[in-house]
Amino acid sequence: AEAGSVAQVDPILTVQTFSLVIVGVLLNAAAQLALKASVRGSGAIELSTSAVVPAALRLSSEPWLWLGLGCYVVSVLVWILALSRVDVSIAYPMLSLGYIVNALAAWAWLGEDMSLAKLTGIGIIILGVFVLARA
């Protein structure tokens, strides 16, 4: 392509584009898990100025918080690269894969519940993403 030209968006996921989407999804999921880890010991943070400010100060020294925020920043950059290559109507629903990653990781790492309803939902998500990827 010529310098300054813009590549066309491919409506079909290539391996490269799918890889960018998956990396973006995984980074976003890692951000969620890291942010949850940063508040695991604090319990629910009250929604008042007198509670939020001390909680924010405590969280600012939490390595998990910074890891989560860093993952978000990188995931946005990767996501922009992905969106430059594929229609948003294809890419955006792929974010639902993050639910699968988070549900399984939260179950394995954080001891969260994994019910039959969640497993059924995960199966439906996988089917939906497969259909979208093939559309």
N, C-alpha and C. Protein backbone atom coordinates (compact mmCIF):
# COMPACT_ATOMS: atom_id res chain seq x y z
N ALA A 1 0.85 -1.19 0.00
CA ALA A 1 0.00 0.00 0.00
C ALA A 1 0.88 1.24 0.00
N GLU A 2 0.36 2.30 -0.58
CA GLU A 2 1.11 3.55 -0.63
C GLU A 2 1.17 4.18 0.74
N ALA A 3 2.21 5.00 0.96
CA ALA A 3 2.32 5.73 2.22
C ALA A 3 1.09 6.61 2.39
N GLY A 4 0.51 6.57 3.57
CA GLY A 4 -0.65 7.39 3.85
C GLY A 4 -1.97 6.77 3.43
N SER A 5 -1.93 5.61 2.74
CA SER A 5 -3.19 4.98 2.35
C SER A 5 -3.78 4.23 3.54
N VAL A 6 -5.07 4.02 3.48
CA VAL A 6 -5.77 3.34 4.56
C VAL A 6 -6.22 1.98 4.07
N ALA A 7 -5.88 0.93 4.84
CA ALA A 7 -6.30 -0.41 4.48
C ALA A 7 -7.79 -0.57 4.71
N GLN A 8 -8.42 -1.38 3.89
CA GLN A 8 -9.85 -1.63 4.03
C GLN A 8 -10.11 -2.55 5.22
N VAL A 9 -11.25 -2.38 5.87
CA VAL A 9 -11.67 -3.27 6.93
C VAL A 9 -12.16 -4.55 6.29
N ASP A 10 -11.70 -5.68 6.81
CA ASP A 10 -12.09 -6.99 6.29
C ASP A 10 -13.28 -7.49 7.10
N PRO A 11 -14.40 -7.74 6.46
CA PRO A 11 -15.58 -8.19 7.21
C PRO A 11 -15.42 -9.60 7.76
N ILE A 12 -14.42 -10.34 7.30
CA ILE A 12 -14.19 -11.70 7.76
C ILE A 12 -12.96 -11.71 8.66
N LEU A 13 -13.03 -12.44 9.76
CA LEU A 13 -11.90 -12.52 10.68
C LEU A 13 -10.77 -13.33 10.08
N THR A 14 -9.61 -12.71 9.95
CA THR A 14 -8.41 -13.44 9.56
C THR A 14 -7.76 -13.96 10.84
N VAL A 15 -6.78 -14.80 10.71
CA VAL A 15 -6.07 -15.32 11.89
C VAL A 15 -5.43 -14.16 12.66
N GLN A 16 -4.83 -13.23 11.94
CA GLN A 16 -4.19 -12.08 12.59
C GLN A 16 -5.22 -11.24 13.35
N THR A 17 -6.33 -10.95 12.72
CA THR A 17 -7.36 -10.13 13.36
C THR A 17 -7.98 -10.87 14.54
N PHE A 18 -8.27 -12.15 14.36
CA PHE A 18 -8.83 -12.95 15.45
C PHE A 18 -7.86 -12.98 16.62
N SER A 19 -6.58 -13.07 16.33
CA SER A 19 -5.56 -13.05 17.39
C SER A 19 -5.58 -11.73 18.16
N LEU A 20 -5.70 -10.63 17.43
CA LEU A 20 -5.79 -9.32 18.10
C LEU A 20 -7.03 -9.25 18.98
N VAL A 21 -8.15 -9.73 18.47
CA VAL A 21 -9.39 -9.72 19.25
C VAL A 21 -9.22 -10.56 20.52
N ILE A 22 -8.66 -11.75 20.38
CA ILE A 22 -8.48 -12.64 21.54
C ILE A 22 -7.52 -12.03 22.55
N VAL A 23 -6.43 -11.44 22.09
CA VAL A 23 -5.49 -10.79 23.02
C VAL A 23 -6.18 -9.64 23.75
N GLY A 24 -6.97 -8.87 23.02
CA GLY A 24 -7.73 -7.79 23.65
C GLY A 24 -8.69 -8.31 24.70
N VAL A 25 -9.40 -9.38 24.38
CA VAL A 25 -10.34 -10.00 25.32
C VAL A 25 -9.61 -10.51 26.56
N LEU A 26 -8.49 -11.19 26.34
CA LEU A 26 -7.73 -11.75 27.47
C LEU A 26 -7.14 -10.65 28.36
N LEU A 27 -6.66 -9.57 27.75
CA LEU A 27 -6.16 -8.46 28.54
C LEU A 27 -7.28 -7.81 29.35
N ASN A 28 -8.45 -7.67 28.75
CA ASN A 28 -9.59 -7.11 29.45
C ASN A 28 -10.01 -8.01 30.61
N ALA A 29 -10.01 -9.32 30.38
CA ALA A 29 -10.36 -10.27 31.44
C ALA A 29 -9.32 -10.23 32.56
N ALA A 30 -8.04 -10.15 32.19
CA ALA A 30 -6.98 -10.06 33.20
C ALA A 30 -7.14 -8.79 34.03
N ALA A 31 -7.54 -7.70 33.38
CA ALA A 31 -7.76 -6.45 34.10
C ALA A 31 -8.86 -6.63 35.14
N GLN A 32 -9.96 -7.27 34.76
CA GLN A 32 -11.06 -7.50 35.70
C GLN A 32 -10.61 -8.32 36.90
N LEU A 33 -9.88 -9.39 36.63
CA LEU A 33 -9.42 -10.27 37.71
C LEU A 33 -8.43 -9.55 38.62
N ALA A 34 -7.54 -8.75 38.05
CA ALA A 34 -6.57 -8.01 38.86
C ALA A 34 -7.28 -6.96 39.71
N LEU A 35 -8.28 -6.27 39.14
CA LEU A 35 -9.01 -5.28 39.92
C LEU A 35 -9.77 -5.95 41.05
N LYS A 36 -10.35 -7.11 40.80
CA LYS A 36 -11.04 -7.85 41.86
C LYS A 36 -10.05 -8.25 42.95
N ALA A 37 -8.87 -8.71 42.54
CA ALA A 37 -7.84 -9.08 43.52
C ALA A 37 -7.42 -7.88 44.37
N SER A 38 -7.45 -6.70 43.79
CA SER A 38 -7.03 -5.51 44.54
C SER A 38 -8.02 -5.14 45.65
N VAL A 39 -9.27 -5.58 45.54
CA VAL A 39 -10.28 -5.25 46.56
C VAL A 39 -10.73 -6.46 47.37
N ARG A 40 -10.11 -7.59 47.16
CA ARG A 40 -10.54 -8.82 47.84
C ARG A 40 -10.57 -8.69 49.35
N GLY A 41 -9.61 -8.03 49.92
CA GLY A 41 -9.54 -7.94 51.37
C GLY A 41 -10.31 -6.77 51.96
N SER A 42 -10.87 -5.93 51.13
CA SER A 42 -11.47 -4.70 51.64
C SER A 42 -12.96 -4.81 51.91
N GLY A 43 -13.62 -5.79 51.33
CA GLY A 43 -15.07 -5.83 51.43
C GLY A 43 -15.67 -4.75 50.55
N ALA A 44 -16.98 -4.55 50.67
CA ALA A 44 -17.67 -3.55 49.86
C ALA A 44 -17.22 -2.15 50.27
N ILE A 45 -16.93 -1.33 49.29
CA ILE A 45 -16.52 0.05 49.55
C ILE A 45 -17.79 0.90 49.58
N GLU A 46 -18.00 1.58 50.66
CA GLU A 46 -19.20 2.42 50.81
C GLU A 46 -19.16 3.59 49.83
N LEU A 47 -20.31 3.99 49.36
CA LEU A 47 -20.42 5.09 48.41
C LEU A 47 -20.63 6.42 49.14
N SER A 48 -19.61 6.81 49.85
CA SER A 48 -19.62 8.11 50.51
C SER A 48 -18.21 8.68 50.44
N THR A 49 -18.11 9.99 50.44
CA THR A 49 -16.80 10.64 50.35
C THR A 49 -15.90 10.20 51.50
N SER A 50 -16.48 10.04 52.67
CA SER A 50 -15.68 9.66 53.83
C SER A 50 -15.12 8.25 53.72
N ALA A 51 -15.73 7.40 52.90
CA ALA A 51 -15.25 6.03 52.72
C ALA A 51 -14.45 5.86 51.43
N VAL A 52 -14.85 6.54 50.36
CA VAL A 52 -14.21 6.35 49.06
C VAL A 52 -12.79 6.90 49.05
N VAL A 53 -12.57 8.04 49.64
CA VAL A 53 -11.23 8.65 49.63
C VAL A 53 -10.21 7.76 50.34
N PRO A 54 -10.47 7.29 51.58
CA PRO A 54 -9.50 6.38 52.20
C PRO A 54 -9.31 5.07 51.42
N ALA A 55 -10.40 4.56 50.85
CA ALA A 55 -10.29 3.33 50.05
C ALA A 55 -9.41 3.56 48.83
N ALA A 56 -9.59 4.70 48.17
CA ALA A 56 -8.77 5.03 47.00
C ALA A 56 -7.31 5.16 47.38
N LEU A 57 -7.04 5.76 48.50
CA LEU A 57 -5.65 5.90 48.97
C LEU A 57 -5.05 4.53 49.27
N ARG A 58 -5.83 3.66 49.92
CA ARG A 58 -5.33 2.32 50.21
C ARG A 58 -5.09 1.55 48.91
N LEU A 59 -6.03 1.66 47.98
CA LEU A 59 -5.91 0.93 46.71
C LEU A 59 -4.74 1.42 45.87
N SER A 60 -4.38 2.69 46.02
CA SER A 60 -3.28 3.23 45.21
C SER A 60 -1.95 2.54 45.50
N SER A 61 -1.86 1.86 46.62
CA SER A 61 -0.62 1.12 46.93
C SER A 61 -0.75 -0.37 46.62
N GLU A 62 -1.84 -0.76 46.02
CA GLU A 62 -2.12 -2.15 45.69
C GLU A 62 -1.54 -2.50 44.32
N PRO A 63 -0.56 -3.40 44.26
CA PRO A 63 0.01 -3.78 42.95
C PRO A 63 -1.04 -4.34 41.98
N TRP A 64 -2.03 -5.08 42.49
CA TRP A 64 -3.06 -5.64 41.62
C TRP A 64 -3.84 -4.55 40.90
N LEU A 65 -4.08 -3.44 41.58
CA LEU A 65 -4.79 -2.33 40.95
C LEU A 65 -4.01 -1.82 39.74
N TRP A 66 -2.72 -1.62 39.92
CA TRP A 66 -1.88 -1.08 38.84
C TRP A 66 -1.73 -2.08 37.69
N LEU A 67 -1.67 -3.36 38.04
CA LEU A 67 -1.63 -4.39 36.99
C LEU A 67 -2.93 -4.37 36.19
N GLY A 68 -4.06 -4.28 36.88
CA GLY A 68 -5.36 -4.22 36.20
C GLY A 68 -5.48 -3.01 35.30
N LEU A 69 -5.09 -1.84 35.81
CA LEU A 69 -5.17 -0.63 34.99
C LEU A 69 -4.23 -0.71 33.79
N GLY A 70 -3.05 -1.29 34.00
CA GLY A 70 -2.09 -1.47 32.89
C GLY A 70 -2.66 -2.39 31.82
N CYS A 71 -3.31 -3.47 32.25
CA CYS A 71 -3.94 -4.38 31.29
C CYS A 71 -5.01 -3.67 30.49
N TYR A 72 -5.79 -2.80 31.16
CA TYR A 72 -6.82 -2.04 30.44
C TYR A 72 -6.20 -1.14 29.37
N VAL A 73 -5.14 -0.45 29.72
CA VAL A 73 -4.51 0.46 28.76
C VAL A 73 -4.03 -0.31 27.53
N VAL A 74 -3.33 -1.42 27.77
CA VAL A 74 -2.82 -2.21 26.65
C VAL A 74 -3.99 -2.82 25.86
N SER A 75 -5.04 -3.25 26.57
CA SER A 75 -6.18 -3.85 25.87
C SER A 75 -6.86 -2.84 24.95
N VAL A 76 -6.92 -1.59 25.35
CA VAL A 76 -7.51 -0.55 24.48
C VAL A 76 -6.67 -0.39 23.22
N LEU A 77 -5.36 -0.37 23.36
CA LEU A 77 -4.48 -0.24 22.19
C LEU A 77 -4.65 -1.43 21.24
N VAL A 78 -4.68 -2.63 21.80
CA VAL A 78 -4.87 -3.84 20.99
C VAL A 78 -6.25 -3.82 20.33
N TRP A 79 -7.25 -3.37 21.08
CA TRP A 79 -8.61 -3.33 20.55
C TRP A 79 -8.73 -2.37 19.37
N ILE A 80 -8.06 -1.23 19.47
CA ILE A 80 -8.04 -0.27 18.36
C ILE A 80 -7.43 -0.92 17.11
N LEU A 81 -6.34 -1.65 17.30
CA LEU A 81 -5.73 -2.36 16.17
C LEU A 81 -6.72 -3.36 15.57
N ALA A 82 -7.44 -4.09 16.43
CA ALA A 82 -8.42 -5.06 15.94
C ALA A 82 -9.55 -4.37 15.18
N LEU A 83 -10.09 -3.28 15.75
CA LEU A 83 -11.21 -2.59 15.11
C LEU A 83 -10.81 -1.95 13.78
N SER A 84 -9.52 -1.68 13.62
CA SER A 84 -9.08 -1.12 12.34
C SER A 84 -9.07 -2.18 11.24
N ARG A 85 -9.26 -3.44 11.65
CA ARG A 85 -9.18 -4.55 10.70
C ARG A 85 -10.50 -5.29 10.47
N VAL A 86 -11.47 -5.13 11.36
CA VAL A 86 -12.71 -5.90 11.25
C VAL A 86 -13.89 -5.03 11.70
N ASP A 87 -15.06 -5.35 11.20
CA ASP A 87 -16.27 -4.62 11.57
C ASP A 87 -16.52 -4.75 13.07
N VAL A 88 -16.98 -3.68 13.65
CA VAL A 88 -17.29 -3.69 15.08
C VAL A 88 -18.44 -4.66 15.38
N SER A 89 -19.31 -4.87 14.43
CA SER A 89 -20.42 -5.81 14.63
C SER A 89 -19.93 -7.25 14.76
N ILE A 90 -18.73 -7.52 14.31
CA ILE A 90 -18.11 -8.84 14.48
C ILE A 90 -17.24 -8.84 15.73
N ALA A 91 -16.43 -7.80 15.90
CA ALA A 91 -15.46 -7.77 17.01
C ALA A 91 -16.12 -7.62 18.37
N TYR A 92 -17.07 -6.71 18.50
CA TYR A 92 -17.62 -6.41 19.82
C TYR A 92 -18.27 -7.61 20.50
N PRO A 93 -19.06 -8.40 19.80
CA PRO A 93 -19.64 -9.57 20.47
C PRO A 93 -18.57 -10.56 20.97
N MET A 94 -17.39 -10.52 20.38
CA MET A 94 -16.31 -11.41 20.82
C MET A 94 -15.88 -11.09 22.26
N LEU A 95 -16.17 -9.87 22.71
CA LEU A 95 -15.85 -9.52 24.10
C LEU A 95 -16.55 -10.44 25.08
N SER A 96 -17.63 -11.07 24.65
CA SER A 96 -18.34 -11.99 25.54
C SER A 96 -17.47 -13.19 25.92
N LEU A 97 -16.44 -13.46 25.13
CA LEU A 97 -15.51 -14.52 25.51
C LEU A 97 -14.83 -14.20 26.83
N GLY A 98 -14.70 -12.92 27.13
CA GLY A 98 -14.12 -12.51 28.40
C GLY A 98 -14.93 -13.01 29.59
N TYR A 99 -16.24 -13.13 29.41
CA TYR A 99 -17.06 -13.68 30.49
C TYR A 99 -16.64 -15.11 30.79
N ILE A 100 -16.38 -15.89 29.75
CA ILE A 100 -15.97 -17.28 29.93
C ILE A 100 -14.65 -17.34 30.69
N VAL A 101 -13.69 -16.55 30.22
CA VAL A 101 -12.37 -16.52 30.87
C VAL A 101 -12.52 -16.10 32.33
N ASN A 102 -13.29 -15.03 32.57
CA ASN A 102 -13.44 -14.54 33.94
C ASN A 102 -14.19 -15.52 34.82
N ALA A 103 -15.25 -16.14 34.30
CA ALA A 103 -16.02 -17.08 35.11
C ALA A 103 -15.14 -18.27 35.52
N LEU A 104 -14.38 -18.80 34.58
CA LEU A 104 -13.52 -19.94 34.89
C LEU A 104 -12.36 -19.55 35.81
N ALA A 105 -11.74 -18.41 35.54
CA ALA A 105 -10.63 -17.96 36.39
C ALA A 105 -11.11 -17.59 37.78
N ALA A 106 -12.27 -16.94 37.88
CA ALA A 106 -12.80 -16.57 39.20
C ALA A 106 -13.16 -17.82 40.00
N TRP A 107 -13.64 -18.83 39.32
CA TRP A 107 -13.94 -20.10 39.99
C TRP A 107 -12.65 -20.77 40.49
N ALA A 108 -11.64 -20.84 39.61
CA ALA A 108 -10.39 -21.54 39.95
C ALA A 108 -9.52 -20.75 40.92
N TRP A 109 -9.44 -19.44 40.73
CA TRP A 109 -8.49 -18.61 41.49
C TRP A 109 -9.14 -17.95 42.70
N LEU A 110 -10.35 -17.46 42.54
CA LEU A 110 -10.99 -16.70 43.61
C LEU A 110 -12.04 -17.51 44.38
N GLY A 111 -12.28 -18.74 43.95
CA GLY A 111 -13.23 -19.59 44.66
C GLY A 111 -14.68 -19.21 44.46
N GLU A 112 -14.98 -18.50 43.36
CA GLU A 112 -16.36 -18.11 43.10
C GLU A 112 -17.16 -19.32 42.58
N ASP A 113 -18.47 -19.24 42.73
CA ASP A 113 -19.38 -20.32 42.37
C ASP A 113 -19.40 -20.58 40.86
N MET A 114 -19.47 -21.87 40.50
CA MET A 114 -19.65 -22.25 39.09
C MET A 114 -20.86 -23.16 39.03
N SER A 115 -22.01 -22.58 38.77
CA SER A 115 -23.28 -23.32 38.77
C SER A 115 -23.56 -23.89 37.39
N LEU A 116 -24.57 -24.75 37.35
CA LEU A 116 -25.01 -25.31 36.08
C LEU A 116 -25.52 -24.20 35.16
N ALA A 117 -26.19 -23.20 35.73
CA ALA A 117 -26.69 -22.08 34.92
C ALA A 117 -25.53 -21.33 34.28
N LYS A 118 -24.45 -21.11 35.02
CA LYS A 118 -23.28 -20.42 34.45
C LYS A 118 -22.65 -21.27 33.35
N LEU A 119 -22.53 -22.56 33.58
CA LEU A 119 -21.96 -23.44 32.56
C LEU A 119 -22.83 -23.47 31.31
N THR A 120 -24.13 -23.46 31.48
CA THR A 120 -25.05 -23.40 30.33
C THR A 120 -24.86 -22.09 29.57
N GLY A 121 -24.76 -20.98 30.30
CA GLY A 121 -24.53 -19.68 29.68
C GLY A 121 -23.22 -19.66 28.91
N ILE A 122 -22.18 -20.26 29.49
CA ILE A 122 -20.89 -20.32 28.81
C ILE A 122 -21.02 -21.08 27.50
N GLY A 123 -21.75 -22.18 27.51
CA GLY A 123 -21.97 -22.95 26.28
C GLY A 123 -22.70 -22.14 25.22
N ILE A 124 -23.70 -21.38 25.64
CA ILE A 124 -24.45 -20.53 24.71
C ILE A 124 -23.54 -19.44 24.14
N ILE A 125 -22.70 -18.85 24.98
CA ILE A 125 -21.76 -17.82 24.51
C ILE A 125 -20.81 -18.40 23.47
N ILE A 126 -20.27 -19.57 23.75
CA ILE A 126 -19.34 -20.21 22.80
C ILE A 126 -20.04 -20.44 21.46
N LEU A 127 -21.26 -20.94 21.50
CA LEU A 127 -22.01 -21.17 20.27
C LEU A 127 -22.25 -19.85 19.53
N GLY A 128 -22.64 -18.82 20.26
CA GLY A 128 -22.89 -17.52 19.64
C GLY A 128 -21.65 -16.91 19.00
N VAL A 129 -20.52 -17.00 19.69
CA VAL A 129 -19.28 -16.46 19.14
C VAL A 129 -18.86 -17.27 17.91
N PHE A 130 -19.05 -18.57 17.95
CA PHE A 130 -18.72 -19.39 16.79
C PHE A 130 -19.56 -18.99 15.58
N VAL A 131 -20.86 -18.79 15.78
CA VAL A 131 -21.75 -18.38 14.69
C VAL A 131 -21.33 -17.02 14.16
N LEU A 132 -21.03 -16.08 15.06
CA LEU A 132 -20.61 -14.75 14.62
C LEU A 132 -19.31 -14.78 13.83
N ALA A 133 -18.36 -15.57 14.30
CA ALA A 133 -17.07 -15.65 13.63
C ALA A 133 -17.19 -16.24 12.22
N ARG A 134 -18.21 -17.05 12.01
CA ARG A 134 -18.41 -17.70 10.71
C ARG A 134 -19.31 -16.90 9.79
N ALA A 135 -19.95 -15.84 10.34
CA ALA A 135 -20.93 -15.08 9.55
C ALA A 135 -20.27 -14.23 8.49
